[in-house]
N, C-alpha and C. Protein backbone atom coordinates (compact mmCIF):
# COMPACT_ATOMS: atom_id res chain seq x y z
N MET A 1 86.73 84.72 103.63
CA MET A 1 87.76 83.74 103.42
C MET A 1 88.91 84.35 102.61
N ARG A 2 90.11 84.04 103.03
CA ARG A 2 91.30 84.55 102.34
C ARG A 2 91.49 83.86 101.01
N SER A 3 91.97 84.61 100.05
CA SER A 3 92.24 84.07 98.73
C SER A 3 93.73 84.26 98.43
N ILE A 4 94.51 83.22 98.64
CA ILE A 4 95.94 83.26 98.36
C ILE A 4 96.12 83.06 96.85
N LEU A 5 96.92 83.89 96.21
CA LEU A 5 97.16 83.74 94.78
C LEU A 5 97.97 82.47 94.52
N ASP A 6 97.48 81.66 93.61
CA ASP A 6 98.17 80.46 93.17
C ASP A 6 98.37 80.62 91.67
N PHE A 7 99.59 80.80 91.25
CA PHE A 7 99.86 81.11 89.86
C PHE A 7 99.70 79.91 88.92
N LYS A 8 99.33 78.76 89.47
CA LYS A 8 98.97 77.63 88.62
C LYS A 8 97.59 77.88 88.00
N ASP A 9 96.83 78.79 88.60
CA ASP A 9 95.49 79.12 88.11
C ASP A 9 95.54 80.35 87.20
N ALA A 10 94.85 80.25 86.07
CA ALA A 10 94.83 81.33 85.09
C ALA A 10 94.33 82.66 85.66
N PRO A 11 93.27 82.68 86.51
CA PRO A 11 92.82 83.97 87.04
C PRO A 11 93.90 84.69 87.87
N ALA A 12 94.69 83.94 88.60
CA ALA A 12 95.76 84.56 89.39
C ALA A 12 96.83 85.14 88.46
N ARG A 13 97.16 84.41 87.42
CA ARG A 13 98.15 84.92 86.46
C ARG A 13 97.62 86.18 85.78
N GLU A 14 96.34 86.17 85.43
CA GLU A 14 95.75 87.34 84.76
C GLU A 14 95.74 88.56 85.70
N GLN A 15 95.49 88.32 86.98
CA GLN A 15 95.45 89.41 87.95
C GLN A 15 96.80 90.13 88.02
N VAL A 16 97.89 89.39 87.85
CA VAL A 16 99.22 89.96 87.87
C VAL A 16 99.60 90.52 86.50
N LYS A 17 99.18 89.84 85.47
CA LYS A 17 99.58 90.20 84.11
C LYS A 17 99.09 91.60 83.71
N VAL A 18 97.87 91.95 84.06
CA VAL A 18 97.29 93.23 83.64
C VAL A 18 98.13 94.41 84.14
N PRO A 19 98.37 94.56 85.46
CA PRO A 19 99.18 95.71 85.88
C PRO A 19 100.64 95.59 85.45
N ALA A 20 101.16 94.38 85.38
CA ALA A 20 102.56 94.21 84.95
C ALA A 20 102.74 94.78 83.55
N LEU A 21 101.90 94.39 82.64
CA LEU A 21 102.03 94.85 81.25
C LEU A 21 101.75 96.35 81.14
N ARG A 22 100.84 96.86 81.95
CA ARG A 22 100.54 98.30 81.93
C ARG A 22 101.77 99.12 82.26
N PHE A 23 102.64 98.58 83.13
CA PHE A 23 103.85 99.29 83.52
C PHE A 23 105.11 98.74 82.84
N GLY A 24 104.92 97.93 81.81
CA GLY A 24 106.05 97.43 81.03
C GLY A 24 106.91 96.41 81.75
N LEU A 25 106.31 95.65 82.65
CA LEU A 25 107.04 94.67 83.43
C LEU A 25 106.73 93.25 82.97
N GLU A 26 107.67 92.37 83.16
CA GLU A 26 107.46 90.96 82.88
C GLU A 26 106.51 90.40 83.95
N PRO A 27 105.38 89.80 83.56
CA PRO A 27 104.45 89.26 84.56
C PRO A 27 105.09 88.27 85.52
N ALA A 28 105.98 87.41 85.04
CA ALA A 28 106.62 86.44 85.94
C ALA A 28 107.47 87.15 87.00
N LEU A 29 108.07 88.30 86.65
CA LEU A 29 108.84 89.04 87.65
C LEU A 29 107.92 89.62 88.71
N VAL A 30 106.78 90.15 88.30
CA VAL A 30 105.82 90.68 89.27
C VAL A 30 105.32 89.55 90.17
N ALA A 31 105.00 88.41 89.57
CA ALA A 31 104.57 87.25 90.36
C ALA A 31 105.66 86.85 91.35
N ALA A 32 106.92 86.96 90.95
CA ALA A 32 108.03 86.63 91.83
C ALA A 32 108.05 87.56 93.04
N PHE A 33 107.80 88.85 92.81
CA PHE A 33 107.74 89.79 93.93
C PHE A 33 106.57 89.44 94.85
N VAL A 34 105.45 89.06 94.27
CA VAL A 34 104.29 88.66 95.09
C VAL A 34 104.67 87.49 96.00
N MET A 35 105.32 86.49 95.44
CA MET A 35 105.68 85.33 96.25
C MET A 35 106.75 85.68 97.28
N GLN A 36 107.72 86.48 96.90
CA GLN A 36 108.78 86.88 97.82
C GLN A 36 108.23 87.72 98.97
N GLU A 37 107.36 88.65 98.64
CA GLU A 37 106.91 89.62 99.63
C GLU A 37 105.75 89.15 100.51
N SER A 38 104.80 88.43 99.93
CA SER A 38 103.58 88.09 100.70
C SER A 38 103.17 86.63 100.61
N ALA A 39 103.91 85.83 99.85
CA ALA A 39 103.53 84.43 99.59
C ALA A 39 102.12 84.35 98.99
N GLY A 40 101.72 85.42 98.29
CA GLY A 40 100.44 85.43 97.61
C GLY A 40 99.26 85.83 98.47
N ASP A 41 99.50 86.30 99.68
CA ASP A 41 98.42 86.69 100.59
C ASP A 41 98.12 88.18 100.44
N PRO A 42 96.96 88.55 99.88
CA PRO A 42 96.66 89.97 99.66
C PRO A 42 96.51 90.76 100.95
N TYR A 43 96.28 90.08 102.08
CA TYR A 43 96.10 90.78 103.34
C TYR A 43 97.39 90.87 104.17
N ALA A 44 98.52 90.53 103.55
CA ALA A 44 99.80 90.63 104.25
C ALA A 44 100.04 92.07 104.68
N TRP A 45 100.53 92.21 105.88
CA TRP A 45 100.81 93.53 106.46
C TRP A 45 102.03 93.39 107.35
N ARG A 46 102.93 94.34 107.26
CA ARG A 46 104.13 94.25 108.09
C ARG A 46 104.55 95.64 108.54
N PRO A 47 104.55 95.90 109.85
CA PRO A 47 105.08 97.17 110.34
C PRO A 47 106.60 97.16 110.22
N GLU A 48 107.15 98.29 109.87
CA GLU A 48 108.60 98.44 109.73
C GLU A 48 109.08 99.35 110.86
N ALA A 49 109.54 98.76 111.93
CA ALA A 49 109.87 99.49 113.16
C ALA A 49 110.91 100.59 112.96
N LYS A 50 111.83 100.42 112.03
CA LYS A 50 112.89 101.41 111.86
C LYS A 50 112.61 102.40 110.73
N TRP A 51 111.40 102.40 110.21
CA TRP A 51 111.04 103.30 109.11
C TRP A 51 111.04 104.74 109.60
N ARG A 52 111.72 105.63 108.89
CA ARG A 52 111.80 107.02 109.32
C ARG A 52 111.47 108.00 108.19
N TYR A 53 110.88 107.52 107.11
CA TYR A 53 110.56 108.38 105.98
C TYR A 53 109.04 108.50 105.90
N TYR A 54 108.55 109.71 105.98
CA TYR A 54 107.11 109.95 105.94
C TYR A 54 106.79 110.96 104.86
N TRP A 55 105.57 110.84 104.33
CA TRP A 55 105.13 111.71 103.25
C TRP A 55 104.01 112.61 103.75
N ASP A 56 104.13 113.90 103.45
CA ASP A 56 103.11 114.88 103.82
C ASP A 56 102.03 114.85 102.73
N VAL A 57 100.88 114.27 103.05
CA VAL A 57 99.82 114.08 102.05
C VAL A 57 99.11 115.39 101.69
N LYS A 58 99.22 116.39 102.52
CA LYS A 58 98.58 117.69 102.21
C LYS A 58 99.48 118.56 101.34
N GLN A 59 100.78 118.55 101.61
CA GLN A 59 101.74 119.36 100.85
C GLN A 59 102.33 118.61 99.65
N ASN A 60 102.08 117.30 99.58
CA ASN A 60 102.60 116.43 98.51
C ASN A 60 104.12 116.54 98.39
N ARG A 61 104.77 116.32 99.53
CA ARG A 61 106.23 116.36 99.60
C ARG A 61 106.66 115.59 100.85
N PRO A 62 107.96 115.29 100.97
CA PRO A 62 108.40 114.61 102.20
C PRO A 62 108.01 115.42 103.44
N PHE A 63 107.63 114.71 104.49
CA PHE A 63 107.31 115.37 105.75
C PHE A 63 108.60 115.98 106.30
N ARG A 64 108.46 117.01 107.06
CA ARG A 64 109.61 117.72 107.61
C ARG A 64 110.55 116.77 108.38
N LYS A 65 111.74 117.23 108.65
CA LYS A 65 112.70 116.45 109.43
C LYS A 65 112.12 116.20 110.83
N LEU A 66 112.27 114.97 111.29
CA LEU A 66 111.74 114.61 112.60
C LEU A 66 112.64 115.13 113.71
N TYR A 67 112.03 115.59 114.79
CA TYR A 67 112.77 115.99 115.98
C TYR A 67 113.16 114.73 116.74
N PRO A 68 114.22 114.80 117.55
CA PRO A 68 114.68 113.60 118.26
C PRO A 68 113.58 112.85 119.03
N GLY A 69 112.69 113.57 119.68
CA GLY A 69 111.62 112.92 120.44
C GLY A 69 110.57 112.26 119.57
N GLU A 70 110.52 112.61 118.30
CA GLU A 70 109.53 112.04 117.38
C GLU A 70 110.03 110.78 116.69
N ILE A 71 111.32 110.60 116.64
CA ILE A 71 111.92 109.53 115.84
C ILE A 71 111.40 108.15 116.24
N ASN A 72 111.33 107.85 117.51
CA ASN A 72 110.87 106.53 117.96
C ASN A 72 109.45 106.53 118.50
N SER A 73 108.74 107.60 118.27
CA SER A 73 107.38 107.72 118.79
C SER A 73 106.38 106.91 117.97
N GLU A 74 105.43 106.32 118.64
CA GLU A 74 104.34 105.63 117.96
C GLU A 74 103.16 106.58 117.71
N VAL A 75 103.28 107.78 118.22
CA VAL A 75 102.24 108.80 118.06
C VAL A 75 102.76 109.85 117.09
N ALA A 76 101.93 110.21 116.14
CA ALA A 76 102.33 111.19 115.13
C ALA A 76 102.48 112.57 115.75
N PRO A 77 103.38 113.37 115.20
CA PRO A 77 103.45 114.78 115.62
C PRO A 77 102.11 115.46 115.32
N GLU A 78 101.79 116.48 116.07
CA GLU A 78 100.50 117.17 115.90
C GLU A 78 100.32 117.72 114.50
N ASP A 79 101.40 118.04 113.81
CA ASP A 79 101.28 118.63 112.47
C ASP A 79 101.36 117.58 111.35
N PHE A 80 101.29 116.31 111.70
CA PHE A 80 101.34 115.27 110.66
C PHE A 80 99.95 115.10 110.06
N PRO A 81 99.81 115.34 108.75
CA PRO A 81 98.48 115.31 108.13
C PRO A 81 98.00 113.92 107.76
N SER A 82 96.70 113.81 107.58
CA SER A 82 96.05 112.56 107.21
C SER A 82 94.94 112.87 106.20
N LEU A 83 94.66 111.91 105.33
CA LEU A 83 93.54 112.06 104.40
C LEU A 83 92.27 111.42 104.94
N GLY A 84 92.41 110.60 105.95
CA GLY A 84 91.28 109.92 106.58
C GLY A 84 91.73 109.43 107.94
N GLY A 85 90.87 109.47 108.93
CA GLY A 85 91.27 109.03 110.26
C GLY A 85 92.20 110.05 110.90
N SER A 86 92.98 109.59 111.86
CA SER A 86 93.85 110.50 112.61
C SER A 86 95.25 110.52 112.01
N GLY A 87 96.02 111.52 112.40
CA GLY A 87 97.41 111.59 111.99
C GLY A 87 98.20 110.38 112.45
N THR A 88 97.87 109.87 113.64
CA THR A 88 98.58 108.70 114.16
C THR A 88 98.26 107.45 113.34
N GLN A 89 97.03 107.33 112.85
CA GLN A 89 96.70 106.20 111.95
C GLN A 89 97.55 106.28 110.69
N GLU A 90 97.63 107.45 110.09
CA GLU A 90 98.41 107.65 108.88
C GLU A 90 99.89 107.40 109.15
N TRP A 91 100.38 107.87 110.28
CA TRP A 91 101.78 107.71 110.69
C TRP A 91 102.14 106.22 110.74
N ALA A 92 101.31 105.44 111.40
CA ALA A 92 101.57 103.99 111.52
C ALA A 92 101.42 103.31 110.16
N ALA A 93 100.44 103.74 109.37
CA ALA A 93 100.19 103.10 108.07
C ALA A 93 101.31 103.39 107.08
N GLN A 94 101.89 104.58 107.14
CA GLN A 94 102.99 104.89 106.25
C GLN A 94 104.25 104.11 106.61
N ALA A 95 104.36 103.69 107.85
CA ALA A 95 105.52 102.93 108.30
C ALA A 95 105.26 101.42 108.27
N ALA A 96 104.39 101.00 107.37
CA ALA A 96 104.09 99.57 107.22
C ALA A 96 104.02 99.25 105.73
N SER A 97 104.20 97.97 105.43
CA SER A 97 104.06 97.51 104.05
C SER A 97 102.77 96.73 103.94
N TRP A 98 102.16 96.80 102.75
CA TRP A 98 100.79 96.33 102.57
C TRP A 98 100.62 95.46 101.34
N GLY A 99 99.82 94.42 101.47
CA GLY A 99 99.31 93.68 100.33
C GLY A 99 100.28 92.72 99.66
N LEU A 100 99.88 92.31 98.46
CA LEU A 100 100.60 91.29 97.71
C LEU A 100 102.05 91.64 97.45
N MET A 101 102.33 92.90 97.14
CA MET A 101 103.70 93.31 96.84
C MET A 101 104.35 94.06 98.00
N GLN A 102 103.67 94.11 99.15
CA GLN A 102 104.20 94.76 100.35
C GLN A 102 104.71 96.17 100.06
N VAL A 103 103.85 96.97 99.48
CA VAL A 103 104.19 98.37 99.17
C VAL A 103 104.21 99.15 100.48
N MET A 104 105.29 99.89 100.70
CA MET A 104 105.37 100.73 101.90
C MET A 104 104.34 101.86 101.78
N GLY A 105 103.67 102.14 102.88
CA GLY A 105 102.65 103.18 102.86
C GLY A 105 103.19 104.53 102.41
N ALA A 106 104.34 104.95 102.95
CA ALA A 106 104.91 106.25 102.57
C ALA A 106 105.31 106.26 101.10
N VAL A 107 105.78 105.14 100.60
CA VAL A 107 106.17 105.07 99.18
C VAL A 107 104.92 105.19 98.30
N ALA A 108 103.85 104.52 98.67
CA ALA A 108 102.60 104.65 97.91
C ALA A 108 102.12 106.10 97.91
N ARG A 109 102.21 106.76 99.06
CA ARG A 109 101.81 108.17 99.14
C ARG A 109 102.70 109.01 98.22
N GLU A 110 104.00 108.78 98.28
CA GLU A 110 104.92 109.54 97.44
C GLU A 110 104.65 109.31 95.96
N ARG A 111 104.30 108.09 95.58
CA ARG A 111 104.06 107.75 94.18
C ARG A 111 102.69 108.25 93.71
N GLY A 112 101.83 108.72 94.65
CA GLY A 112 100.57 109.33 94.24
C GLY A 112 99.30 108.70 94.78
N PHE A 113 99.40 107.70 95.64
CA PHE A 113 98.18 107.10 96.20
C PHE A 113 97.49 108.13 97.11
N ARG A 114 96.22 108.42 96.81
CA ARG A 114 95.49 109.44 97.55
C ARG A 114 94.23 108.91 98.24
N GLY A 115 94.08 107.61 98.32
CA GLY A 115 92.96 107.05 99.05
C GLY A 115 93.05 107.44 100.52
N PRO A 116 91.93 107.51 101.22
CA PRO A 116 91.97 107.95 102.61
C PRO A 116 92.72 107.00 103.54
N TYR A 117 92.72 105.70 103.23
CA TYR A 117 93.38 104.72 104.09
C TYR A 117 94.28 103.82 103.27
N LEU A 118 95.49 103.61 103.76
CA LEU A 118 96.46 102.78 103.05
C LEU A 118 96.10 101.30 103.07
N THR A 119 95.14 100.91 103.88
CA THR A 119 94.68 99.52 103.88
C THR A 119 94.13 99.12 102.50
N ALA A 120 93.76 100.10 101.68
CA ALA A 120 93.28 99.80 100.32
C ALA A 120 94.34 99.08 99.50
N LEU A 121 95.60 99.18 99.90
CA LEU A 121 96.67 98.48 99.18
C LEU A 121 96.56 96.96 99.33
N CYS A 122 95.70 96.50 100.24
CA CYS A 122 95.46 95.06 100.38
C CYS A 122 94.45 94.55 99.36
N ASP A 123 93.78 95.46 98.65
CA ASP A 123 92.92 95.06 97.55
C ASP A 123 93.84 94.69 96.39
N PRO A 124 93.78 93.44 95.89
CA PRO A 124 94.76 93.01 94.89
C PRO A 124 94.96 93.95 93.70
N PRO A 125 93.91 94.39 92.99
CA PRO A 125 94.18 95.28 91.86
C PRO A 125 94.87 96.59 92.28
N GLU A 126 94.46 97.13 93.41
CA GLU A 126 95.05 98.38 93.91
C GLU A 126 96.51 98.18 94.29
N GLY A 127 96.76 97.18 95.13
CA GLY A 127 98.12 96.93 95.59
C GLY A 127 99.06 96.53 94.47
N LEU A 128 98.59 95.70 93.54
CA LEU A 128 99.42 95.30 92.41
C LEU A 128 99.75 96.50 91.52
N SER A 129 98.79 97.36 91.32
CA SER A 129 99.04 98.54 90.50
C SER A 129 100.12 99.42 91.12
N TRP A 130 100.01 99.72 92.41
CA TRP A 130 101.00 100.57 93.08
C TRP A 130 102.34 99.86 93.19
N GLY A 131 102.32 98.55 93.41
CA GLY A 131 103.57 97.80 93.46
C GLY A 131 104.27 97.80 92.11
N CYS A 132 103.51 97.58 91.04
CA CYS A 132 104.09 97.59 89.69
C CYS A 132 104.61 98.97 89.32
N GLN A 133 103.87 100.00 89.67
CA GLN A 133 104.33 101.36 89.39
C GLN A 133 105.66 101.63 90.09
N THR A 134 105.76 101.23 91.35
CA THR A 134 106.98 101.44 92.12
C THR A 134 108.13 100.63 91.54
N LEU A 135 107.88 99.36 91.21
CA LEU A 135 108.93 98.51 90.65
C LEU A 135 109.41 99.06 89.31
N ALA A 136 108.50 99.48 88.45
CA ALA A 136 108.88 100.04 87.15
C ALA A 136 109.75 101.28 87.34
N TYR A 137 109.37 102.13 88.27
CA TYR A 137 110.16 103.33 88.56
C TYR A 137 111.58 102.95 88.99
N LEU A 138 111.69 101.98 89.90
CA LEU A 138 113.01 101.58 90.41
C LEU A 138 113.87 100.91 89.35
N LEU A 139 113.25 100.08 88.50
CA LEU A 139 114.01 99.44 87.42
C LEU A 139 114.46 100.48 86.40
N ASN A 140 113.63 101.45 86.14
CA ASN A 140 114.01 102.53 85.22
C ASN A 140 115.15 103.36 85.80
N ARG A 141 115.10 103.60 87.08
CA ARG A 141 116.11 104.42 87.74
C ARG A 141 117.43 103.69 87.96
N PHE A 142 117.35 102.41 88.39
CA PHE A 142 118.54 101.67 88.80
C PHE A 142 118.89 100.48 87.92
N GLY A 143 118.15 100.26 86.84
CA GLY A 143 118.39 99.06 86.03
C GLY A 143 118.14 97.82 86.86
N GLY A 144 118.98 96.79 86.70
CA GLY A 144 118.82 95.56 87.46
C GLY A 144 118.87 95.76 88.96
N GLY A 145 119.52 96.84 89.40
CA GLY A 145 119.57 97.14 90.83
C GLY A 145 118.22 97.53 91.41
N GLY A 146 117.24 97.78 90.54
CA GLY A 146 115.90 98.11 91.01
C GLY A 146 115.24 96.98 91.77
N ILE A 147 115.66 95.75 91.48
CA ILE A 147 115.08 94.60 92.20
C ILE A 147 115.44 94.69 93.68
N SER A 148 116.70 94.90 94.00
CA SER A 148 117.09 95.00 95.41
C SER A 148 116.62 96.33 96.01
N ALA A 149 116.56 97.38 95.19
CA ALA A 149 116.10 98.67 95.70
C ALA A 149 114.65 98.60 96.15
N TYR A 150 113.86 97.71 95.54
CA TYR A 150 112.46 97.55 95.95
C TYR A 150 112.39 97.18 97.43
N ASN A 151 113.35 96.40 97.89
CA ASN A 151 113.37 95.95 99.28
C ASN A 151 114.19 96.86 100.18
N ALA A 152 115.33 97.32 99.69
CA ALA A 152 116.28 98.03 100.54
C ALA A 152 116.26 99.55 100.37
N GLY A 153 115.59 100.05 99.33
CA GLY A 153 115.56 101.48 99.09
C GLY A 153 116.67 101.97 98.18
N SER A 154 117.73 101.19 98.06
CA SER A 154 118.83 101.51 97.15
C SER A 154 119.35 100.21 96.55
N PRO A 155 120.00 100.30 95.39
CA PRO A 155 120.44 99.08 94.72
C PRO A 155 121.55 98.35 95.49
N CYS A 156 121.49 97.05 95.44
CA CYS A 156 122.50 96.19 96.05
C CYS A 156 122.59 94.94 95.18
N LEU A 157 123.26 95.08 94.04
CA LEU A 157 123.35 93.98 93.08
C LEU A 157 123.94 92.74 93.73
N GLY A 158 123.32 91.61 93.42
CA GLY A 158 123.79 90.33 93.94
C GLY A 158 123.34 90.01 95.35
N SER A 159 122.43 90.82 95.89
CA SER A 159 121.97 90.59 97.27
C SER A 159 121.17 89.28 97.36
N LYS A 160 121.06 88.79 98.57
CA LYS A 160 120.26 87.59 98.82
C LYS A 160 118.81 87.81 98.37
N TYR A 161 118.29 89.00 98.63
CA TYR A 161 116.92 89.33 98.23
C TYR A 161 116.77 89.24 96.71
N GLU A 162 117.69 89.88 95.98
CA GLU A 162 117.63 89.86 94.52
C GLU A 162 117.69 88.43 93.99
N LYS A 163 118.60 87.64 94.54
CA LYS A 163 118.73 86.24 94.10
C LYS A 163 117.45 85.45 94.34
N SER A 164 116.81 85.71 95.47
CA SER A 164 115.56 85.01 95.78
C SER A 164 114.45 85.40 94.81
N VAL A 165 114.32 86.70 94.53
CA VAL A 165 113.30 87.17 93.58
C VAL A 165 113.53 86.55 92.21
N LEU A 166 114.77 86.55 91.76
CA LEU A 166 115.07 86.01 90.43
C LEU A 166 114.85 84.50 90.37
N ALA A 167 115.09 83.81 91.48
CA ALA A 167 114.80 82.37 91.53
C ALA A 167 113.30 82.13 91.42
N TRP A 168 112.50 82.97 92.11
CA TRP A 168 111.04 82.87 91.98
C TRP A 168 110.61 83.13 90.54
N ARG A 169 111.18 84.18 89.93
CA ARG A 169 110.83 84.50 88.54
C ARG A 169 111.12 83.31 87.62
N ASP A 170 112.29 82.72 87.77
CA ASP A 170 112.65 81.59 86.92
C ASP A 170 111.72 80.39 87.13
N LYS A 171 111.29 80.20 88.37
CA LYS A 171 110.37 79.10 88.68
C LYS A 171 108.98 79.36 88.09
N LEU A 172 108.53 80.61 88.14
CA LEU A 172 107.18 80.96 87.70
C LEU A 172 107.07 81.24 86.20
N ARG A 173 108.17 81.58 85.58
CA ARG A 173 108.14 81.99 84.17
C ARG A 173 107.42 80.98 83.26
N PRO A 174 107.64 79.68 83.39
CA PRO A 174 106.94 78.74 82.51
C PRO A 174 105.42 78.83 82.60
N LEU A 175 104.89 79.19 83.77
CA LEU A 175 103.45 79.32 83.92
C LEU A 175 102.90 80.50 83.11
N PHE A 176 103.72 81.54 82.94
CA PHE A 176 103.28 82.73 82.21
C PHE A 176 103.53 82.62 80.71
N VAL A 177 104.49 81.81 80.32
CA VAL A 177 104.77 81.63 78.90
C VAL A 177 103.62 80.90 78.22
N SER A 178 102.97 80.02 78.95
CA SER A 178 101.89 79.21 78.35
C SER A 178 100.56 79.95 78.26
N THR A 179 100.50 81.19 78.79
CA THR A 179 99.22 81.92 78.75
C THR A 179 99.25 83.04 77.76
């Protein structure tokens, strides 16, 4: 049975609070990202059809430049490495977002996730940890623009996405103040 996070419940707030505080983030902001990205569903998954950034898990660096025939391919190049399963599984998984905070597979790999399968990001503690780490990095790098960079890859102050996340944060903040 699916367990959708409901921040009216203390256990859901605690599940977000632990990784948020570990990475110096406001728990209500992390909860806002959860609601914006997955509506609280830890099994949320979304393929990103136009994703073109891949991480080489063996060399721990960006994967080489793609050749024209590889750009729109659903099959990984023969030299695309994997930590578990086939290169094509890893290729598809890196081009998808996973879990409560919808962490992109390639971004999780770049940030240091070394589990054999990116589906582990659907485990709430795992996905929240990687999502918080990524968000903290972006906020440190771009300041307030890190909110939009989480979604777009680069800052876009005042974007519709940023406004929506901040509206969620403002709505959820009272639930976290009381705990």
